Amino acid sequence: VQLQASGGGLVTPGGSLRLTCVVSGEIASIYSWGWYRQVPGKERELVARIHRSGNAVYEGSAEDRYTISIDNAKNTIYLQIARLIPDDTDKYYCNSWPIARDWGEGTLVTVSS
């Protein structure tokens, strides 16, 4: 399975971003995908996951500002983050859920004024 995450960048507080993850390879047997975040030195943590049916589940308070979506025709999973705050600064990864495959490079989100 190949995972290509993109869409990160430097954003001022209050802004928004849409992260994109294009998946390819042996994905026919994968039913759910997740977006994860990781601060250096800490374990990756799940932010949200979505079934190919579109059913989404969020961790903690993520649903307040995070929206995960999927386009099955494009093999793409999105994570929209609204009203960004400095605590959103992290590297974001996508992967299958609940079993993660090899992690790709992720995409770095930096929220700073």
N, C-alpha and C. Protein backbone atom coordinates (compact mmCIF):
# COMPACT_ATOMS: atom_id res chain seq x y z
N VAL A 1 0.85 -1.18 0.00
CA VAL A 1 0.00 0.00 0.00
C VAL A 1 0.90 1.24 0.00
N GLN A 2 0.59 2.16 -0.89
CA GLN A 2 1.33 3.43 -0.95
C GLN A 2 0.42 4.56 -0.47
N LEU A 3 1.01 5.45 0.31
CA LEU A 3 0.25 6.55 0.89
C LEU A 3 0.96 7.85 0.57
N GLN A 4 0.26 8.77 -0.04
CA GLN A 4 0.85 10.05 -0.40
C GLN A 4 0.02 11.17 0.21
N ALA A 5 0.52 11.74 1.29
CA ALA A 5 -0.17 12.82 1.98
C ALA A 5 0.39 14.16 1.52
N SER A 6 -0.48 15.13 1.42
CA SER A 6 -0.05 16.47 1.01
C SER A 6 -1.04 17.50 1.55
N GLY A 7 -0.71 18.77 1.34
CA GLY A 7 -1.62 19.83 1.72
C GLY A 7 -1.23 20.60 2.95
N GLY A 8 -0.18 20.16 3.62
CA GLY A 8 0.27 20.88 4.81
C GLY A 8 0.96 22.17 4.44
N GLY A 9 1.32 22.93 5.45
CA GLY A 9 2.02 24.19 5.21
C GLY A 9 1.99 25.06 6.45
N LEU A 10 2.45 26.28 6.26
CA LEU A 10 2.45 27.27 7.33
C LEU A 10 1.18 28.10 7.23
N VAL A 11 0.42 28.13 8.30
CA VAL A 11 -0.85 28.82 8.31
C VAL A 11 -0.95 29.68 9.56
N THR A 12 -1.56 30.82 9.44
CA THR A 12 -1.77 31.66 10.61
C THR A 12 -2.98 31.16 11.39
N PRO A 13 -2.98 31.38 12.68
CA PRO A 13 -4.13 30.94 13.50
C PRO A 13 -5.44 31.48 12.95
N GLY A 14 -6.44 30.63 12.99
CA GLY A 14 -7.74 30.98 12.45
C GLY A 14 -7.95 30.56 11.02
N GLY A 15 -6.87 30.20 10.35
CA GLY A 15 -6.98 29.76 8.96
C GLY A 15 -7.46 28.33 8.86
N SER A 16 -7.47 27.82 7.64
CA SER A 16 -7.92 26.45 7.42
C SER A 16 -7.01 25.76 6.40
N LEU A 17 -7.05 24.45 6.43
CA LEU A 17 -6.28 23.65 5.50
C LEU A 17 -7.09 22.43 5.10
N ARG A 18 -6.81 21.93 3.92
CA ARG A 18 -7.35 20.64 3.54
C ARG A 18 -6.19 19.73 3.19
N LEU A 19 -6.05 18.69 3.98
CA LEU A 19 -5.01 17.69 3.72
C LEU A 19 -5.58 16.62 2.80
N THR A 20 -4.73 16.13 1.93
CA THR A 20 -5.13 15.12 0.95
C THR A 20 -4.25 13.90 1.05
N CYS A 21 -4.84 12.73 0.97
CA CYS A 21 -4.07 11.49 0.98
C CYS A 21 -4.53 10.62 -0.17
N VAL A 22 -3.64 10.38 -1.09
CA VAL A 22 -3.92 9.47 -2.20
C VAL A 22 -3.35 8.10 -1.87
N VAL A 23 -4.18 7.09 -1.93
CA VAL A 23 -3.75 5.73 -1.59
C VAL A 23 -3.75 4.89 -2.86
N SER A 24 -2.83 3.94 -2.89
CA SER A 24 -2.73 3.08 -4.06
C SER A 24 -2.13 1.75 -3.64
N GLY A 25 -2.12 0.81 -4.56
CA GLY A 25 -1.58 -0.52 -4.28
C GLY A 25 -2.69 -1.49 -3.88
N GLU A 26 -2.38 -2.36 -2.96
CA GLU A 26 -3.31 -3.40 -2.54
C GLU A 26 -4.32 -2.85 -1.52
N ILE A 27 -5.27 -2.10 -2.02
CA ILE A 27 -6.20 -1.44 -1.11
C ILE A 27 -7.61 -2.03 -1.16
N ALA A 28 -7.83 -3.02 -2.00
CA ALA A 28 -9.19 -3.56 -2.17
C ALA A 28 -9.75 -4.12 -0.87
N SER A 29 -8.88 -4.63 -0.01
CA SER A 29 -9.35 -5.27 1.23
C SER A 29 -9.37 -4.30 2.41
N ILE A 30 -9.05 -3.06 2.16
CA ILE A 30 -9.03 -2.06 3.24
C ILE A 30 -10.34 -1.29 3.23
N TYR A 31 -11.04 -1.33 4.37
CA TYR A 31 -12.36 -0.73 4.42
C TYR A 31 -12.38 0.63 5.12
N SER A 32 -11.38 0.87 5.96
CA SER A 32 -11.35 2.14 6.70
C SER A 32 -9.97 2.76 6.65
N TRP A 33 -10.00 4.08 6.64
CA TRP A 33 -8.76 4.85 6.61
C TRP A 33 -8.80 5.88 7.74
N GLY A 34 -7.61 6.26 8.17
CA GLY A 34 -7.53 7.24 9.24
C GLY A 34 -6.52 8.32 8.97
N TRP A 35 -6.73 9.44 9.61
CA TRP A 35 -5.71 10.48 9.67
C TRP A 35 -5.14 10.48 11.08
N TYR A 36 -3.82 10.58 11.14
CA TYR A 36 -3.10 10.52 12.40
C TYR A 36 -2.21 11.75 12.49
N ARG A 37 -1.83 12.09 13.72
CA ARG A 37 -0.90 13.19 13.89
C ARG A 37 0.21 12.77 14.85
N GLN A 38 1.35 13.39 14.70
CA GLN A 38 2.48 13.00 15.54
C GLN A 38 3.37 14.20 15.81
N VAL A 39 3.60 14.43 17.08
CA VAL A 39 4.61 15.39 17.51
C VAL A 39 5.91 14.63 17.66
N PRO A 40 7.03 15.19 17.22
CA PRO A 40 8.29 14.48 17.37
C PRO A 40 8.50 13.98 18.78
N GLY A 41 8.89 12.71 18.91
CA GLY A 41 9.14 12.13 20.22
C GLY A 41 7.93 11.49 20.86
N LYS A 42 6.79 11.63 20.23
CA LYS A 42 5.58 11.01 20.77
C LYS A 42 5.02 10.03 19.75
N GLU A 43 4.12 9.18 20.23
CA GLU A 43 3.49 8.22 19.33
C GLU A 43 2.46 8.91 18.46
N ARG A 44 2.24 8.33 17.31
CA ARG A 44 1.17 8.85 16.46
C ARG A 44 -0.17 8.60 17.14
N GLU A 45 -1.06 9.53 16.98
CA GLU A 45 -2.40 9.35 17.53
C GLU A 45 -3.44 9.56 16.44
N LEU A 46 -4.47 8.79 16.52
CA LEU A 46 -5.54 8.86 15.54
C LEU A 46 -6.35 10.13 15.77
N VAL A 47 -6.64 10.82 14.69
CA VAL A 47 -7.46 12.03 14.76
C VAL A 47 -8.89 11.70 14.35
N ALA A 48 -9.01 10.99 13.26
CA ALA A 48 -10.33 10.64 12.74
C ALA A 48 -10.17 9.46 11.80
N ARG A 49 -11.22 8.72 11.62
CA ARG A 49 -11.21 7.61 10.67
C ARG A 49 -12.51 7.61 9.90
N ILE A 50 -12.45 6.96 8.75
CA ILE A 50 -13.63 6.93 7.90
C ILE A 50 -13.71 5.61 7.17
N HIS A 51 -14.91 5.06 7.12
CA HIS A 51 -15.16 3.85 6.37
C HIS A 51 -15.42 4.24 4.91
N ARG A 52 -15.19 3.31 4.02
CA ARG A 52 -15.40 3.63 2.61
C ARG A 52 -16.85 4.00 2.32
N SER A 53 -17.76 3.67 3.23
CA SER A 53 -19.17 4.05 3.08
C SER A 53 -19.39 5.52 3.36
N GLY A 54 -18.37 6.16 3.99
CA GLY A 54 -18.48 7.56 4.36
C GLY A 54 -18.74 7.78 5.84
N ASN A 55 -18.94 6.72 6.57
CA ASN A 55 -19.17 6.84 8.00
C ASN A 55 -17.88 7.24 8.69
N ALA A 56 -17.91 8.37 9.39
CA ALA A 56 -16.71 8.93 10.01
C ALA A 56 -16.80 8.88 11.53
N VAL A 57 -15.66 8.67 12.15
CA VAL A 57 -15.55 8.67 13.61
C VAL A 57 -14.39 9.58 13.99
N TYR A 58 -14.63 10.43 14.98
CA TYR A 58 -13.59 11.37 15.40
C TYR A 58 -13.14 11.05 16.82
N GLU A 59 -11.90 11.34 17.11
CA GLU A 59 -11.34 11.14 18.44
C GLU A 59 -11.43 12.44 19.23
N GLY A 60 -11.83 12.32 20.46
CA GLY A 60 -11.88 13.47 21.35
C GLY A 60 -12.73 14.59 20.78
N SER A 61 -12.18 15.79 20.80
CA SER A 61 -12.91 16.96 20.34
C SER A 61 -12.61 17.29 18.88
N ALA A 62 -11.98 16.35 18.18
CA ALA A 62 -11.58 16.63 16.80
C ALA A 62 -12.74 17.03 15.92
N GLU A 63 -13.92 16.49 16.20
CA GLU A 63 -15.07 16.76 15.33
C GLU A 63 -15.44 18.24 15.32
N ASP A 64 -15.01 18.96 16.34
CA ASP A 64 -15.35 20.39 16.40
C ASP A 64 -14.78 21.14 15.20
N ARG A 65 -13.57 20.77 14.81
CA ARG A 65 -12.90 21.54 13.75
C ARG A 65 -12.36 20.68 12.62
N TYR A 66 -12.40 19.37 12.76
CA TYR A 66 -11.84 18.48 11.75
C TYR A 66 -12.99 17.80 11.00
N THR A 67 -12.81 17.68 9.71
CA THR A 67 -13.77 16.96 8.90
C THR A 67 -13.02 16.00 7.99
N ILE A 68 -13.29 14.72 8.15
CA ILE A 68 -12.67 13.71 7.29
C ILE A 68 -13.68 13.30 6.23
N SER A 69 -13.19 13.08 5.03
CA SER A 69 -14.07 12.66 3.95
C SER A 69 -13.28 11.74 3.01
N ILE A 70 -14.01 11.06 2.15
CA ILE A 70 -13.37 10.09 1.26
C ILE A 70 -13.99 10.18 -0.12
N ASP A 71 -13.16 10.03 -1.13
CA ASP A 71 -13.62 9.94 -2.51
C ASP A 71 -13.12 8.59 -3.03
N ASN A 72 -13.99 7.60 -3.01
CA ASN A 72 -13.57 6.25 -3.38
C ASN A 72 -13.13 6.16 -4.84
N ALA A 73 -13.76 6.93 -5.69
CA ALA A 73 -13.40 6.90 -7.11
C ALA A 73 -11.98 7.39 -7.35
N LYS A 74 -11.54 8.28 -6.49
CA LYS A 74 -10.19 8.84 -6.63
C LYS A 74 -9.20 8.21 -5.66
N ASN A 75 -9.65 7.24 -4.87
CA ASN A 75 -8.78 6.63 -3.84
C ASN A 75 -8.12 7.71 -2.99
N THR A 76 -8.91 8.64 -2.53
CA THR A 76 -8.38 9.80 -1.82
C THR A 76 -9.18 10.05 -0.56
N ILE A 77 -8.43 10.34 0.50
CA ILE A 77 -9.04 10.68 1.77
C ILE A 77 -8.60 12.10 2.11
N TYR A 78 -9.53 12.88 2.61
CA TYR A 78 -9.27 14.28 2.93
C TYR A 78 -9.44 14.53 4.43
N LEU A 79 -8.72 15.53 4.90
CA LEU A 79 -8.94 16.03 6.26
C LEU A 79 -8.96 17.55 6.20
N GLN A 80 -10.13 18.09 6.42
CA GLN A 80 -10.28 19.54 6.47
C GLN A 80 -10.13 19.99 7.92
N ILE A 81 -9.28 20.97 8.14
CA ILE A 81 -9.09 21.49 9.48
C ILE A 81 -9.47 22.97 9.46
N ALA A 82 -10.43 23.33 10.26
CA ALA A 82 -10.90 24.71 10.31
C ALA A 82 -10.41 25.39 11.59
N ARG A 83 -10.39 26.72 11.53
CA ARG A 83 -10.04 27.54 12.71
C ARG A 83 -8.77 27.00 13.38
N LEU A 84 -7.73 26.90 12.60
CA LEU A 84 -6.48 26.31 13.08
C LEU A 84 -5.93 27.08 14.28
N ILE A 85 -5.36 26.31 15.21
CA ILE A 85 -4.73 26.86 16.41
C ILE A 85 -3.31 26.32 16.47
N PRO A 86 -2.42 26.98 17.22
CA PRO A 86 -1.03 26.51 17.29
C PRO A 86 -0.91 25.04 17.72
N ASP A 87 -1.81 24.55 18.56
CA ASP A 87 -1.74 23.16 18.99
C ASP A 87 -1.99 22.17 17.85
N ASP A 88 -2.49 22.64 16.74
CA ASP A 88 -2.67 21.78 15.58
C ASP A 88 -1.34 21.50 14.88
N THR A 89 -0.30 22.20 15.26
CA THR A 89 1.01 22.00 14.64
C THR A 89 1.50 20.59 14.89
N ASP A 90 1.71 19.86 13.82
CA ASP A 90 2.09 18.46 13.89
C ASP A 90 2.39 17.97 12.49
N LYS A 91 2.94 16.79 12.41
CA LYS A 91 3.01 16.12 11.13
C LYS A 91 1.80 15.19 11.06
N TYR A 92 1.10 15.24 9.95
CA TYR A 92 -0.11 14.47 9.77
C TYR A 92 0.13 13.35 8.75
N TYR A 93 -0.39 12.19 9.10
CA TYR A 93 -0.24 11.01 8.26
C TYR A 93 -1.61 10.39 8.01
N CYS A 94 -1.72 9.74 6.88
CA CYS A 94 -2.89 8.90 6.67
C CYS A 94 -2.42 7.45 6.64
N ASN A 95 -3.33 6.57 6.97
CA ASN A 95 -3.02 5.14 6.93
C ASN A 95 -4.31 4.37 7.06
N SER A 96 -4.23 3.10 6.82
CA SER A 96 -5.40 2.25 6.99
C SER A 96 -5.70 2.11 8.48
N TRP A 97 -6.91 1.74 8.78
CA TRP A 97 -7.35 1.56 10.17
C TRP A 97 -8.17 0.30 10.24
N PRO A 98 -8.07 -0.52 11.29
CA PRO A 98 -7.25 -0.32 12.47
C PRO A 98 -5.80 -0.75 12.32
N ILE A 99 -5.51 -1.50 11.28
CA ILE A 99 -4.13 -1.97 11.10
C ILE A 99 -3.42 -1.02 10.16
N ALA A 100 -2.38 -0.39 10.66
CA ALA A 100 -1.61 0.55 9.85
C ALA A 100 -0.55 -0.18 9.04
N ARG A 101 -0.41 0.25 7.79
CA ARG A 101 0.66 -0.28 6.96
C ARG A 101 1.90 0.60 7.14
N ASP A 102 2.86 0.43 6.26
CA ASP A 102 4.05 1.29 6.32
C ASP A 102 3.64 2.75 6.21
N TRP A 103 4.21 3.57 7.06
CA TRP A 103 3.85 4.98 7.07
C TRP A 103 4.58 5.71 5.94
N GLY A 104 3.87 6.61 5.31
CA GLY A 104 4.51 7.45 4.30
C GLY A 104 5.20 8.62 4.97
N GLU A 105 5.47 9.65 4.20
CA GLU A 105 6.21 10.80 4.71
C GLU A 105 5.35 11.73 5.55
N GLY A 106 4.06 11.68 5.37
CA GLY A 106 3.20 12.61 6.07
C GLY A 106 3.29 14.00 5.49
N THR A 107 2.54 14.90 6.09
CA THR A 107 2.57 16.29 5.64
C THR A 107 2.57 17.18 6.88
N LEU A 108 3.45 18.17 6.88
CA LEU A 108 3.65 18.99 8.06
C LEU A 108 2.72 20.18 8.07
N VAL A 109 2.03 20.34 9.18
CA VAL A 109 1.17 21.50 9.39
C VAL A 109 1.79 22.36 10.49
N THR A 110 2.01 23.61 10.19
CA THR A 110 2.57 24.54 11.17
C THR A 110 1.62 25.73 11.29
N VAL A 111 1.15 25.96 12.50
CA VAL A 111 0.23 27.06 12.74
C VAL A 111 0.95 28.10 13.59
N SER A 112 1.20 29.23 13.00
CA SER A 112 1.97 30.25 13.69
C SER A 112 1.67 31.61 13.08
N SER A 113 1.72 32.61 13.93
CA SER A 113 1.54 33.98 13.45
C SER A 113 2.90 34.61 13.15
